[in-house]
Amino acid sequence: MMREGEELSEGDEAPGFTLPSTEEGRVSLSQFRGKKVVLYFYPQDDTPGCTKEACSFRDNLPKFEKLDAVILGISKDSIDSHEKFIKKYGLNFTLLSDEDLKAHKLYDTWREKNLYGRKYMGTERSTFVINKGGRIVKIFRKVKVDGHEGEALQALS
């Protein structure tokens, strides 16, 4: 069992969580056992990099579905913010709200960042590819948005 702040490795069991969802109230990671999961953490709804990343997952969703995978996006934004983001960009996958940062801490994506010499805490853009048995098969940290959906697809095949 993973503890908060412990470094995850490929091959580890994906830590479980239940979060408010844009789909059906609350979603638990365990609901997706038997499917592959692309779990991606992003800093904020409707910002340039996050929008580009979400839209590339949206545009390539059929390729993910062909590999029996679901996409789950997580940020600290509220469900209300997520619903506006989904509507504005026609997103076709579930977004989860982690306002209390529980999942961020389990996956160690809430990290110190540095912008122009100013240090602050924020979401490190990260993706975890999880197999049908609930194990992490690939971890992408400090994700560069351009071409990332291709990397995630490759990790699924």
N, C-alpha and C. Protein backbone atom coordinates (compact mmCIF):
# COMPACT_ATOMS: atom_id res chain seq x y z
N MET A 1 0.84 -1.20 0.00
CA MET A 1 0.00 0.00 0.00
C MET A 1 0.88 1.25 0.00
N MET A 2 0.62 2.13 -0.94
CA MET A 2 1.42 3.36 -1.04
C MET A 2 0.99 4.35 0.03
N ARG A 3 1.97 5.08 0.51
CA ARG A 3 1.68 6.16 1.45
C ARG A 3 1.98 7.49 0.78
N GLU A 4 1.27 8.49 1.23
CA GLU A 4 1.43 9.84 0.69
C GLU A 4 2.91 10.23 0.65
N GLY A 5 3.32 10.77 -0.51
CA GLY A 5 4.68 11.26 -0.63
C GLY A 5 5.70 10.20 -1.02
N GLU A 6 5.30 8.92 -0.98
CA GLU A 6 6.21 7.85 -1.38
C GLU A 6 6.32 7.86 -2.91
N GLU A 7 7.52 7.67 -3.42
CA GLU A 7 7.74 7.72 -4.87
C GLU A 7 7.15 6.46 -5.53
N LEU A 8 6.31 6.67 -6.53
CA LEU A 8 5.75 5.55 -7.28
C LEU A 8 6.74 5.09 -8.34
N SER A 9 6.70 3.80 -8.64
CA SER A 9 7.55 3.24 -9.69
C SER A 9 6.69 2.44 -10.65
N GLU A 10 7.19 2.29 -11.88
CA GLU A 10 6.50 1.43 -12.83
C GLU A 10 6.51 0.02 -12.26
N GLY A 11 5.35 -0.65 -12.36
CA GLY A 11 5.20 -1.98 -11.77
C GLY A 11 4.44 -1.95 -10.45
N ASP A 12 4.38 -0.78 -9.80
CA ASP A 12 3.62 -0.64 -8.55
C ASP A 12 2.13 -0.73 -8.83
N GLU A 13 1.38 -1.11 -7.80
CA GLU A 13 -0.07 -1.03 -7.89
C GLU A 13 -0.45 0.45 -7.85
N ALA A 14 -1.39 0.83 -8.72
CA ALA A 14 -1.84 2.23 -8.76
C ALA A 14 -2.64 2.52 -7.48
N PRO A 15 -2.27 3.57 -6.74
CA PRO A 15 -3.02 3.90 -5.52
C PRO A 15 -4.48 4.21 -5.82
N GLY A 16 -5.36 3.68 -5.01
CA GLY A 16 -6.80 3.88 -5.20
C GLY A 16 -7.25 5.22 -4.65
N PHE A 17 -8.33 5.74 -5.23
CA PHE A 17 -8.92 6.99 -4.76
C PHE A 17 -10.36 7.04 -5.25
N THR A 18 -11.14 7.91 -4.63
CA THR A 18 -12.50 8.22 -5.07
C THR A 18 -12.61 9.74 -5.07
N LEU A 19 -13.01 10.29 -6.22
CA LEU A 19 -13.08 11.75 -6.37
C LEU A 19 -14.38 12.17 -7.04
N PRO A 20 -14.83 13.42 -6.80
CA PRO A 20 -15.97 13.96 -7.54
C PRO A 20 -15.65 13.97 -9.03
N SER A 21 -16.67 13.63 -9.83
CA SER A 21 -16.48 13.44 -11.26
C SER A 21 -17.48 14.24 -12.08
N THR A 22 -17.10 14.56 -13.30
CA THR A 22 -18.02 15.24 -14.21
C THR A 22 -19.03 14.25 -14.79
N GLU A 23 -18.83 12.96 -14.59
CA GLU A 23 -19.73 11.95 -15.15
C GLU A 23 -20.88 11.61 -14.21
N GLU A 24 -20.57 10.87 -13.13
CA GLU A 24 -21.66 10.35 -12.30
C GLU A 24 -21.39 10.54 -10.81
N GLY A 25 -21.31 11.76 -10.39
CA GLY A 25 -21.11 12.00 -8.96
C GLY A 25 -19.68 11.78 -8.54
N ARG A 26 -19.37 10.54 -8.11
CA ARG A 26 -18.02 10.23 -7.67
C ARG A 26 -17.51 9.02 -8.44
N VAL A 27 -16.22 9.02 -8.71
CA VAL A 27 -15.61 7.92 -9.45
C VAL A 27 -14.44 7.38 -8.63
N SER A 28 -14.34 6.05 -8.59
CA SER A 28 -13.20 5.38 -7.94
C SER A 28 -12.34 4.75 -9.01
N LEU A 29 -11.04 4.80 -8.81
CA LEU A 29 -10.14 4.17 -9.77
C LEU A 29 -10.46 2.69 -9.92
N SER A 30 -10.86 2.05 -8.82
CA SER A 30 -11.14 0.60 -8.84
C SER A 30 -12.28 0.23 -9.81
N GLN A 31 -13.14 1.19 -10.16
CA GLN A 31 -14.22 0.93 -11.12
C GLN A 31 -13.68 0.51 -12.48
N PHE A 32 -12.42 0.86 -12.75
CA PHE A 32 -11.85 0.64 -14.08
C PHE A 32 -10.98 -0.60 -14.15
N ARG A 33 -10.99 -1.43 -13.10
CA ARG A 33 -10.26 -2.71 -13.17
C ARG A 33 -10.78 -3.47 -14.39
N GLY A 34 -9.88 -4.08 -15.14
CA GLY A 34 -10.29 -4.78 -16.35
C GLY A 34 -10.19 -3.90 -17.59
N LYS A 35 -9.92 -2.62 -17.39
CA LYS A 35 -9.66 -1.70 -18.50
C LYS A 35 -8.30 -1.06 -18.25
N LYS A 36 -7.69 -0.56 -19.32
CA LYS A 36 -6.47 0.22 -19.16
C LYS A 36 -6.89 1.66 -18.87
N VAL A 37 -6.07 2.36 -18.10
CA VAL A 37 -6.40 3.73 -17.71
C VAL A 37 -5.22 4.65 -17.99
N VAL A 38 -5.50 5.77 -18.64
CA VAL A 38 -4.53 6.85 -18.77
C VAL A 38 -4.99 7.91 -17.78
N LEU A 39 -4.25 8.02 -16.69
CA LEU A 39 -4.57 8.94 -15.60
C LEU A 39 -3.62 10.12 -15.73
N TYR A 40 -4.17 11.28 -16.08
CA TYR A 40 -3.26 12.41 -16.25
C TYR A 40 -3.63 13.56 -15.31
N PHE A 41 -2.59 14.09 -14.68
CA PHE A 41 -2.72 15.23 -13.77
C PHE A 41 -2.29 16.48 -14.53
N TYR A 42 -3.08 17.52 -14.43
CA TYR A 42 -2.75 18.77 -15.12
C TYR A 42 -3.02 19.95 -14.19
N PRO A 43 -2.30 21.07 -14.40
CA PRO A 43 -2.39 22.19 -13.46
C PRO A 43 -3.74 22.91 -13.39
N GLN A 44 -4.34 23.28 -14.54
CA GLN A 44 -5.53 24.12 -14.43
C GLN A 44 -6.36 24.11 -15.70
N ASP A 45 -7.70 24.06 -15.52
CA ASP A 45 -8.63 24.12 -16.64
C ASP A 45 -8.43 25.40 -17.45
N ASP A 46 -8.62 25.28 -18.76
CA ASP A 46 -8.71 26.43 -19.66
C ASP A 46 -7.47 27.32 -19.64
N THR A 47 -6.30 26.72 -19.47
CA THR A 47 -5.03 27.44 -19.65
C THR A 47 -4.39 26.86 -20.91
N PRO A 48 -3.48 27.57 -21.56
CA PRO A 48 -3.00 27.13 -22.87
C PRO A 48 -2.47 25.69 -22.94
N GLY A 49 -1.53 25.33 -22.07
CA GLY A 49 -0.96 23.98 -22.12
C GLY A 49 -1.98 22.91 -21.76
N CYS A 50 -2.78 23.18 -20.75
CA CYS A 50 -3.77 22.19 -20.30
C CYS A 50 -4.86 21.99 -21.34
N THR A 51 -5.24 23.08 -22.01
CA THR A 51 -6.26 22.98 -23.06
C THR A 51 -5.71 22.17 -24.23
N LYS A 52 -4.46 22.44 -24.62
CA LYS A 52 -3.84 21.72 -25.73
C LYS A 52 -3.75 20.22 -25.40
N GLU A 53 -3.36 19.90 -24.16
CA GLU A 53 -3.25 18.50 -23.76
C GLU A 53 -4.63 17.82 -23.78
N ALA A 54 -5.63 18.47 -23.20
CA ALA A 54 -6.99 17.91 -23.15
C ALA A 54 -7.54 17.70 -24.57
N CYS A 55 -7.33 18.67 -25.44
CA CYS A 55 -7.84 18.57 -26.81
C CYS A 55 -7.13 17.47 -27.60
N SER A 56 -5.86 17.22 -27.33
CA SER A 56 -5.16 16.14 -28.03
C SER A 56 -5.69 14.77 -27.55
N PHE A 57 -6.01 14.66 -26.26
CA PHE A 57 -6.65 13.42 -25.78
C PHE A 57 -8.05 13.29 -26.39
N ARG A 58 -8.79 14.40 -26.44
CA ARG A 58 -10.13 14.39 -27.05
C ARG A 58 -10.07 13.92 -28.50
N ASP A 59 -9.16 14.50 -29.27
CA ASP A 59 -9.08 14.20 -30.70
C ASP A 59 -8.63 12.77 -30.97
N ASN A 60 -7.93 12.17 -30.04
CA ASN A 60 -7.40 10.82 -30.23
C ASN A 60 -8.13 9.76 -29.41
N LEU A 61 -9.26 10.14 -28.79
CA LEU A 61 -9.99 9.19 -27.95
C LEU A 61 -10.31 7.87 -28.65
N PRO A 62 -10.73 7.86 -29.92
CA PRO A 62 -11.00 6.57 -30.58
C PRO A 62 -9.79 5.63 -30.58
N LYS A 63 -8.59 6.18 -30.72
CA LYS A 63 -7.38 5.35 -30.69
C LYS A 63 -7.18 4.73 -29.31
N PHE A 64 -7.48 5.49 -28.26
CA PHE A 64 -7.36 4.96 -26.89
C PHE A 64 -8.43 3.89 -26.66
N GLU A 65 -9.65 4.17 -27.12
CA GLU A 65 -10.75 3.21 -26.93
C GLU A 65 -10.46 1.90 -27.66
N LYS A 66 -9.82 1.98 -28.83
CA LYS A 66 -9.45 0.78 -29.59
C LYS A 66 -8.50 -0.11 -28.78
N LEU A 67 -7.70 0.52 -27.90
CA LEU A 67 -6.76 -0.22 -27.04
C LEU A 67 -7.39 -0.56 -25.68
N ASP A 68 -8.73 -0.40 -25.59
CA ASP A 68 -9.49 -0.71 -24.37
C ASP A 68 -9.04 0.15 -23.19
N ALA A 69 -8.81 1.44 -23.48
CA ALA A 69 -8.34 2.36 -22.43
C ALA A 69 -9.32 3.50 -22.23
N VAL A 70 -9.39 3.96 -20.98
CA VAL A 70 -10.16 5.15 -20.65
C VAL A 70 -9.17 6.25 -20.25
N ILE A 71 -9.60 7.49 -20.42
CA ILE A 71 -8.79 8.64 -20.03
C ILE A 71 -9.48 9.32 -18.86
N LEU A 72 -8.71 9.58 -17.83
CA LEU A 72 -9.20 10.33 -16.67
C LEU A 72 -8.26 11.51 -16.44
N GLY A 73 -8.80 12.72 -16.46
CA GLY A 73 -8.00 13.91 -16.18
C GLY A 73 -8.27 14.37 -14.76
N ILE A 74 -7.22 14.76 -14.04
CA ILE A 74 -7.36 15.23 -12.66
C ILE A 74 -6.67 16.57 -12.49
N SER A 75 -7.39 17.52 -11.89
CA SER A 75 -6.76 18.77 -11.44
C SER A 75 -7.43 19.18 -10.14
N LYS A 76 -6.92 20.24 -9.54
CA LYS A 76 -7.50 20.73 -8.29
C LYS A 76 -8.69 21.65 -8.54
N ASP A 77 -9.06 21.84 -9.81
CA ASP A 77 -10.22 22.68 -10.13
C ASP A 77 -11.52 22.03 -9.65
N SER A 78 -12.53 22.87 -9.44
CA SER A 78 -13.85 22.39 -9.00
C SER A 78 -14.58 21.69 -10.15
N ILE A 79 -15.62 20.93 -9.80
CA ILE A 79 -16.47 20.29 -10.83
C ILE A 79 -17.09 21.35 -11.73
N ASP A 80 -17.51 22.46 -11.16
CA ASP A 80 -18.09 23.55 -11.94
C ASP A 80 -17.10 24.03 -13.01
N SER A 81 -15.86 24.23 -12.62
CA SER A 81 -14.81 24.65 -13.56
C SER A 81 -14.61 23.57 -14.63
N HIS A 82 -14.56 22.30 -14.21
CA HIS A 82 -14.39 21.19 -15.16
C HIS A 82 -15.54 21.16 -16.17
N GLU A 83 -16.77 21.36 -15.69
CA GLU A 83 -17.92 21.29 -16.61
C GLU A 83 -17.86 22.39 -17.66
N LYS A 84 -17.42 23.58 -17.26
CA LYS A 84 -17.25 24.69 -18.22
C LYS A 84 -16.16 24.35 -19.24
N PHE A 85 -15.07 23.76 -18.76
CA PHE A 85 -13.93 23.37 -19.61
C PHE A 85 -14.39 22.33 -20.64
N ILE A 86 -15.13 21.33 -20.18
CA ILE A 86 -15.65 20.27 -21.06
C ILE A 86 -16.55 20.87 -22.13
N LYS A 87 -17.47 21.74 -21.70
CA LYS A 87 -18.42 22.34 -22.63
C LYS A 87 -17.72 23.22 -23.66
N LYS A 88 -16.78 24.04 -23.20
CA LYS A 88 -16.08 24.97 -24.08
C LYS A 88 -15.30 24.25 -25.18
N TYR A 89 -14.69 23.08 -24.84
CA TYR A 89 -13.82 22.39 -25.80
C TYR A 89 -14.37 21.05 -26.27
N GLY A 90 -15.60 20.72 -25.91
CA GLY A 90 -16.21 19.47 -26.36
C GLY A 90 -15.42 18.24 -25.91
N LEU A 91 -14.92 18.29 -24.68
CA LEU A 91 -14.12 17.16 -24.18
C LEU A 91 -15.03 15.94 -24.00
N ASN A 92 -14.50 14.77 -24.33
CA ASN A 92 -15.30 13.55 -24.39
C ASN A 92 -14.80 12.48 -23.41
N PHE A 93 -14.20 12.92 -22.31
CA PHE A 93 -13.73 11.97 -21.29
C PHE A 93 -13.94 12.62 -19.92
N THR A 94 -13.80 11.84 -18.89
CA THR A 94 -14.11 12.26 -17.53
C THR A 94 -12.99 13.10 -16.90
N LEU A 95 -13.40 14.17 -16.23
CA LEU A 95 -12.47 14.96 -15.43
C LEU A 95 -12.85 14.78 -13.96
N LEU A 96 -11.83 14.69 -13.12
CA LEU A 96 -12.03 14.49 -11.69
C LEU A 96 -11.50 15.70 -10.93
N SER A 97 -12.22 16.07 -9.88
CA SER A 97 -11.85 17.23 -9.07
C SER A 97 -11.14 16.76 -7.81
N ASP A 98 -9.92 17.25 -7.61
CA ASP A 98 -9.11 16.87 -6.45
C ASP A 98 -8.76 18.13 -5.65
N GLU A 99 -9.81 18.82 -5.19
CA GLU A 99 -9.61 20.10 -4.51
C GLU A 99 -8.80 19.97 -3.22
N ASP A 100 -8.91 18.82 -2.54
CA ASP A 100 -8.14 18.65 -1.29
C ASP A 100 -6.80 17.97 -1.54
N LEU A 101 -6.46 17.73 -2.82
CA LEU A 101 -5.15 17.23 -3.25
C LEU A 101 -4.82 15.80 -2.78
N LYS A 102 -5.84 15.02 -2.40
CA LYS A 102 -5.58 13.64 -1.94
C LYS A 102 -4.89 12.80 -3.02
N ALA A 103 -5.46 12.79 -4.22
CA ALA A 103 -4.87 11.99 -5.31
C ALA A 103 -3.52 12.57 -5.74
N HIS A 104 -3.43 13.90 -5.78
CA HIS A 104 -2.15 14.54 -6.12
C HIS A 104 -1.04 14.03 -5.19
N LYS A 105 -1.35 13.94 -3.91
CA LYS A 105 -0.34 13.52 -2.94
C LYS A 105 -0.04 12.03 -3.05
N LEU A 106 -1.07 11.21 -3.32
CA LEU A 106 -0.84 9.77 -3.51
C LEU A 106 0.08 9.51 -4.70
N TYR A 107 -0.07 10.30 -5.76
CA TYR A 107 0.72 10.12 -6.98
C TYR A 107 1.93 11.06 -7.03
N ASP A 108 2.14 11.78 -5.93
CA ASP A 108 3.29 12.68 -5.80
C ASP A 108 3.38 13.66 -6.97
N THR A 109 2.24 14.28 -7.30
CA THR A 109 2.23 15.27 -8.38
C THR A 109 2.08 16.69 -7.84
N TRP A 110 1.93 16.85 -6.53
CA TRP A 110 1.88 18.19 -5.91
C TRP A 110 3.29 18.49 -5.46
N ARG A 111 3.97 19.32 -6.21
CA ARG A 111 5.41 19.50 -6.01
C ARG A 111 5.80 20.98 -6.02
N GLU A 112 6.98 21.23 -5.49
CA GLU A 112 7.50 22.60 -5.53
C GLU A 112 7.87 22.92 -6.97
N LYS A 113 7.43 24.07 -7.42
CA LYS A 113 7.74 24.53 -8.77
C LYS A 113 8.48 25.86 -8.67
N ASN A 114 9.08 26.26 -9.78
CA ASN A 114 9.89 27.46 -9.78
C ASN A 114 9.56 28.26 -11.04
N LEU A 115 9.08 29.47 -10.87
CA LEU A 115 8.76 30.31 -12.01
C LEU A 115 9.48 31.65 -11.83
N TYR A 116 10.41 31.93 -12.71
CA TYR A 116 11.18 33.18 -12.64
C TYR A 116 11.78 33.38 -11.25
N GLY A 117 12.30 32.30 -10.67
CA GLY A 117 12.95 32.38 -9.36
C GLY A 117 12.00 32.35 -8.17
N ARG A 118 10.68 32.36 -8.44
CA ARG A 118 9.69 32.30 -7.36
C ARG A 118 9.29 30.85 -7.16
N LYS A 119 9.45 30.34 -5.94
CA LYS A 119 9.09 28.96 -5.64
C LYS A 119 7.66 28.91 -5.11
N TYR A 120 6.90 27.93 -5.56
CA TYR A 120 5.52 27.76 -5.11
C TYR A 120 5.14 26.30 -5.28
N MET A 121 4.04 25.89 -4.65
CA MET A 121 3.55 24.52 -4.79
C MET A 121 2.51 24.49 -5.91
N GLY A 122 2.58 23.44 -6.72
CA GLY A 122 1.62 23.31 -7.81
C GLY A 122 1.64 21.90 -8.38
N THR A 123 0.76 21.67 -9.34
CA THR A 123 0.65 20.37 -9.98
C THR A 123 1.77 20.19 -11.00
N GLU A 124 2.52 19.10 -10.85
CA GLU A 124 3.49 18.74 -11.88
C GLU A 124 2.75 17.92 -12.93
N ARG A 125 2.72 18.40 -14.16
CA ARG A 125 2.01 17.70 -15.24
C ARG A 125 2.58 16.29 -15.36
N SER A 126 1.75 15.29 -15.07
CA SER A 126 2.21 13.90 -15.03
C SER A 126 1.12 12.98 -15.56
N THR A 127 1.54 11.88 -16.16
CA THR A 127 0.61 10.87 -16.66
C THR A 127 1.04 9.49 -16.17
N PHE A 128 0.04 8.70 -15.75
CA PHE A 128 0.27 7.34 -15.29
C PHE A 128 -0.56 6.41 -16.17
N VAL A 129 0.10 5.46 -16.83
CA VAL A 129 -0.60 4.48 -17.65
C VAL A 129 -0.73 3.22 -16.80
N ILE A 130 -1.98 2.79 -16.61
CA ILE A 130 -2.30 1.70 -15.70
C ILE A 130 -2.88 0.53 -16.50
N ASN A 131 -2.40 -0.68 -16.21
CA ASN A 131 -2.89 -1.84 -16.97
C ASN A 131 -4.21 -2.36 -16.39
N LYS A 132 -4.77 -3.39 -17.04
CA LYS A 132 -6.08 -3.93 -16.64
C LYS A 132 -6.09 -4.49 -15.23
N GLY A 133 -4.92 -4.88 -14.73
CA GLY A 133 -4.82 -5.42 -13.38
C GLY A 133 -4.57 -4.36 -12.32
N GLY A 134 -4.52 -3.08 -12.72
CA GLY A 134 -4.36 -2.00 -11.75
C GLY A 134 -2.91 -1.65 -11.43
N ARG A 135 -1.97 -2.12 -12.27
CA ARG A 135 -0.55 -1.79 -12.05
C ARG A 135 -0.12 -0.68 -13.00
N ILE A 136 0.80 0.15 -12.51
CA ILE A 136 1.34 1.24 -13.32
C ILE A 136 2.38 0.65 -14.27
N VAL A 137 2.14 0.83 -15.57
CA VAL A 137 3.10 0.31 -16.55
C VAL A 137 4.03 1.41 -17.08
N LYS A 138 3.59 2.67 -16.98
CA LYS A 138 4.44 3.77 -17.46
C LYS A 138 4.12 5.04 -16.68
N ILE A 139 5.18 5.75 -16.31
CA ILE A 139 5.04 7.03 -15.62
C ILE A 139 5.73 8.10 -16.45
N PHE A 140 4.99 9.16 -16.74
CA PHE A 140 5.54 10.33 -17.43
C PHE A 140 5.49 11.49 -16.44
N ARG A 141 6.64 12.04 -16.09
CA ARG A 141 6.72 13.21 -15.20
C ARG A 141 7.15 14.42 -16.01
N LYS A 142 6.77 15.59 -15.54
CA LYS A 142 7.12 16.85 -16.23
C LYS A 142 6.81 16.75 -17.72
N VAL A 143 5.58 16.35 -18.00
CA VAL A 143 5.12 16.10 -19.37
C VAL A 143 5.24 17.35 -20.23
N LYS A 144 5.75 17.16 -21.42
CA LYS A 144 5.72 18.17 -22.46
C LYS A 144 4.47 17.86 -23.29
N VAL A 145 3.59 18.83 -23.46
CA VAL A 145 2.28 18.59 -24.07
C VAL A 145 2.37 18.11 -25.52
N ASP A 146 3.23 18.72 -26.33
CA ASP A 146 3.30 18.37 -27.75
C ASP A 146 3.68 16.90 -27.93
N GLY A 147 2.78 16.15 -28.57
CA GLY A 147 3.06 14.74 -28.86
C GLY A 147 2.85 13.79 -27.70
N HIS A 148 2.38 14.32 -26.56
CA HIS A 148 2.25 13.44 -25.39
C HIS A 148 1.21 12.35 -25.58
N GLU A 149 0.11 12.66 -26.29
CA GLU A 149 -0.91 11.62 -26.48
C GLU A 149 -0.31 10.42 -27.23
N GLY A 150 0.64 10.68 -28.13
CA GLY A 150 1.32 9.59 -28.85
C GLY A 150 2.16 8.74 -27.92
N GLU A 151 2.84 9.37 -26.95
CA GLU A 151 3.62 8.62 -25.97
C GLU A 151 2.71 7.74 -25.12
N ALA A 152 1.56 8.30 -24.72
CA ALA A 152 0.61 7.53 -23.91
C ALA A 152 0.05 6.35 -24.70
N LEU A 153 -0.27 6.59 -25.97
CA LEU A 153 -0.77 5.50 -26.82
C LEU A 153 0.27 4.39 -26.96
N GLN A 154 1.51 4.79 -27.16
CA GLN A 154 2.59 3.82 -27.30
C GLN A 154 2.74 2.98 -26.03
N ALA A 155 2.60 3.60 -24.87
CA ALA A 155 2.72 2.89 -23.59
C ALA A 155 1.58 1.89 -23.39
N LEU A 156 0.46 2.10 -24.06
CA LEU A 156 -0.69 1.18 -23.94
C LEU A 156 -0.55 -0.05 -24.80
N SER A 157 0.22 0.07 -25.91
CA SER A 157 0.25 -1.06 -26.85
C SER A 157 1.28 -2.10 -26.49
